[in-house]
Amino acid sequence: MNRKIKLLINPFWYYLNQHLFDHQSVWNMNLFWHLYKIQLLNKCWNKESSQQSHPYL
């Protein structure tokens, strides 16, 4: 249960903590959610590829 709550709160927290006048800020929640999922997928992909190149780390 705690993991499910954390998975929902983290993206919302990132959304609320965006810089106000940054050119990369996204204020449309749907667009933000879409971009967040893409970034998360990229992080997972990079993490998996780095583990494959260094399996004992």
Protein backbone atom coordinates (compact mmCIF):
# COMPACT_ATOMS: atom_id res chain seq x y z
CA MET A 1 0.00 0.00 0.00
CA ASN A 2 2.79 2.42 0.87
CA ARG A 3 4.45 1.85 -2.50
CA LYS A 4 1.23 2.66 -4.36
CA ILE A 5 0.84 5.91 -2.48
CA LYS A 6 4.44 6.84 -3.17
CA LEU A 7 4.01 6.14 -6.89
CA LEU A 8 1.11 8.57 -6.98
CA ILE A 9 2.60 11.28 -4.79
CA ASN A 10 6.05 11.51 -6.42
CA PRO A 11 4.89 12.80 -9.82
CA PHE A 12 2.51 15.23 -8.19
CA TRP A 13 5.31 16.49 -5.95
CA TYR A 14 7.57 17.04 -8.99
CA TYR A 15 4.75 18.89 -10.70
CA LEU A 16 4.28 21.24 -7.76
CA ASN A 17 8.02 21.85 -7.34
CA GLN A 18 8.69 23.10 -10.84
CA HIS A 19 10.43 26.42 -11.23
CA LEU A 20 7.91 29.14 -11.91
CA PHE A 21 9.60 30.94 -14.77
CA ASP A 22 11.72 28.21 -16.23
CA HIS A 23 11.29 27.62 -19.96
CA GLN A 24 10.99 23.87 -19.31
CA SER A 25 8.13 24.15 -16.85
CA VAL A 26 4.98 22.37 -17.93
CA TRP A 27 1.75 23.57 -16.37
CA ASN A 28 -0.62 21.35 -18.26
CA MET A 29 -1.06 18.34 -15.97
CA ASN A 30 -1.73 15.89 -18.81
CA LEU A 31 1.35 16.96 -20.71
CA PHE A 32 3.41 16.89 -17.53
CA TRP A 33 2.24 13.34 -16.77
CA HIS A 34 3.13 12.23 -20.28
CA LEU A 35 6.61 13.77 -20.09
CA TYR A 36 7.14 12.39 -16.60
CA LYS A 37 6.43 8.85 -17.79
CA ILE A 38 8.86 9.28 -20.67
CA GLN A 39 11.59 10.52 -18.32
CA LEU A 40 10.94 7.66 -15.93
CA LEU A 41 11.17 5.16 -18.76
CA ASN A 42 14.48 6.70 -19.86
CA LYS A 43 15.85 6.46 -16.32
CA CYS A 44 14.85 2.82 -16.07
CA TRP A 45 16.29 2.08 -19.50
CA ASN A 46 19.62 3.72 -18.60
CA LYS A 47 19.73 1.97 -15.26
CA GLU A 48 19.08 -1.40 -16.87
CA SER A 49 21.70 -0.88 -19.56
CA SER A 50 24.29 0.23 -17.00
CA GLN A 51 23.59 -2.89 -14.92
CA GLN A 52 24.08 -5.07 -17.97
CA SER A 53 27.44 -3.54 -18.74
CA HIS A 54 28.54 -3.87 -15.08
CA PRO A 55 26.66 -6.86 -13.69
CA TYR A 56 28.61 -7.00 -10.42
CA LEU A 57 28.05 -3.40 -9.28
